């Protein structure tokens, strides 16, 4: 069950990684830009997996109370997905901003 959140989140992260990679094709593409894009996607995927796995370990499931079990079990899968998606989105958003600063076209 530890990797269920990554399995559920994986297809969406791949779609976002493809969109990040395909969006840069509309600009002048050099090997430096491709290397930068590949490293940004790799770093984002590694961070998403790391944050999701660490969040799985940190989630505390609530105990059974007077009125039965509370909704603690689902958070064992929801929180890792949220942490993983947040890390992935933060790194790709930062990569887009840095890419715009590095390869922006200068007015003539």
Protein backbone atom coordinates (compact mmCIF):
# COMPACT_ATOMS: atom_id res chain seq x y z
CA UNK A 1 0.00 0.00 0.00
CA UNK A 2 3.03 2.26 0.39
CA UNK A 3 3.31 2.93 -3.35
CA UNK A 4 -0.40 3.20 -4.14
CA UNK A 5 -0.36 7.01 -4.07
CA UNK A 6 2.55 7.06 -6.53
CA UNK A 7 0.75 4.63 -8.78
CA UNK A 8 -2.37 6.79 -8.78
CA UNK A 9 -0.45 10.05 -9.16
CA UNK A 10 2.03 8.76 -11.75
CA UNK A 11 -0.07 9.15 -14.92
CA UNK A 12 -0.94 12.76 -14.10
CA UNK A 13 2.71 13.58 -13.39
CA UNK A 14 3.69 12.05 -16.73
CA UNK A 15 1.08 14.19 -18.51
CA UNK A 16 2.47 17.32 -16.83
CA UNK A 17 6.04 16.32 -17.66
CA UNK A 18 5.06 15.78 -21.30
CA UNK A 19 3.36 19.20 -21.37
CA UNK A 20 6.49 20.83 -19.95
CA UNK A 21 8.65 19.07 -22.54
CA UNK A 22 6.32 19.75 -25.49
CA UNK A 23 5.75 23.41 -24.60
CA UNK A 24 9.43 24.18 -25.04
CA UNK A 25 9.37 22.91 -28.64
CA UNK A 26 7.64 26.12 -29.72
CA UNK A 27 10.87 27.99 -28.98
CA UNK A 28 14.32 27.74 -30.53
CA UNK A 29 15.58 24.41 -29.22
CA UNK A 30 19.23 23.80 -28.47
CA UNK A 31 20.92 20.92 -26.72
CA UNK A 32 21.41 23.11 -23.63
CA UNK A 33 17.68 23.74 -23.40
CA UNK A 34 16.88 20.04 -23.88
CA UNK A 35 19.39 19.12 -21.17
CA UNK A 36 17.89 21.72 -18.84
CA UNK A 37 14.36 20.43 -19.50
CA UNK A 38 15.38 16.80 -18.98
CA UNK A 39 17.14 17.62 -15.72
CA UNK A 40 14.17 19.67 -14.47
CA UNK A 41 11.72 16.83 -15.20
CA UNK A 42 14.02 14.25 -13.61
CA UNK A 43 14.48 16.38 -10.50
CA UNK A 44 10.72 16.97 -10.27
CA UNK A 45 9.94 13.25 -10.55
CA UNK A 46 12.55 12.34 -7.92
CA UNK A 47 11.26 15.04 -5.57
CA UNK A 48 7.65 13.91 -6.07
CA UNK A 49 8.54 10.32 -5.23
CA UNK A 50 10.63 11.35 -2.24
CA UNK A 51 8.02 13.68 -0.79
CA UNK A 52 5.24 11.14 -1.35
CA UNK A 53 7.14 8.35 0.38
CA UNK A 54 8.14 10.53 3.31
CA UNK A 55 4.56 11.79 3.68
CA UNK A 56 3.31 8.19 3.81
CA UNK A 57 5.57 7.58 6.81
CA UNK A 58 4.54 10.79 8.57
CA UNK A 59 0.74 10.45 8.37
CA UNK A 60 -0.76 9.47 11.71
CA UNK A 61 -3.95 7.42 11.52
CA UNK A 62 -6.55 8.37 14.11
CA UNK A 63 -7.60 5.82 16.66
CA UNK A 64 -11.11 4.48 17.09
CA UNK A 65 -13.20 6.86 19.19
CA UNK A 66 -16.49 6.57 21.05
CA UNK A 67 -18.48 6.70 17.81
CA UNK A 68 -16.34 4.35 15.71
CA UNK A 69 -13.46 4.83 13.34
CA UNK A 70 -12.94 8.30 11.95
CA UNK A 71 -11.78 9.03 8.42
CA UNK A 72 -8.10 8.48 9.17
CA UNK A 73 -7.36 5.59 6.85
CA UNK A 74 -7.87 7.46 3.60
CA UNK A 75 -5.35 10.12 4.55
CA UNK A 76 -2.61 7.52 4.40
CA UNK A 77 -3.01 7.68 0.60
CA UNK A 78 -4.24 11.25 0.09
CA UNK A 79 -1.43 13.09 1.88
CA UNK A 80 1.41 11.41 -0.04
CA UNK A 81 -0.34 12.26 -3.32
CA UNK A 82 -0.72 15.89 -2.23
CA UNK A 83 2.89 16.17 -1.11
CA UNK A 84 4.18 14.51 -4.27
CA UNK A 85 2.08 16.69 -6.55
CA UNK A 86 3.08 19.82 -4.62
CA UNK A 87 6.78 19.05 -4.91
CA UNK A 88 6.45 18.24 -8.61
CA UNK A 89 4.47 21.39 -9.38
CA UNK A 90 6.81 23.60 -7.34
CA UNK A 91 9.91 22.37 -9.16
CA UNK A 92 8.39 22.59 -12.64
CA UNK A 93 6.98 26.06 -11.94
CA UNK A 94 10.39 27.22 -10.75
CA UNK A 95 11.98 25.60 -13.81
CA UNK A 96 9.62 27.49 -16.13
CA UNK A 97 10.48 30.81 -14.48
CA UNK A 98 14.22 30.13 -14.59
CA UNK A 99 13.96 29.00 -18.21
CA UNK A 100 12.19 32.23 -19.11
CA UNK A 101 14.93 34.26 -17.43
CA UNK A 102 17.75 32.30 -19.06
CA UNK A 103 16.43 32.02 -22.61
CA UNK A 104 14.23 35.05 -23.05
CA UNK A 105 14.51 36.90 -26.33
CA UNK A 106 16.03 40.31 -26.05
CA UNK A 107 14.46 43.22 -27.96
CA UNK A 108 16.54 44.46 -30.87
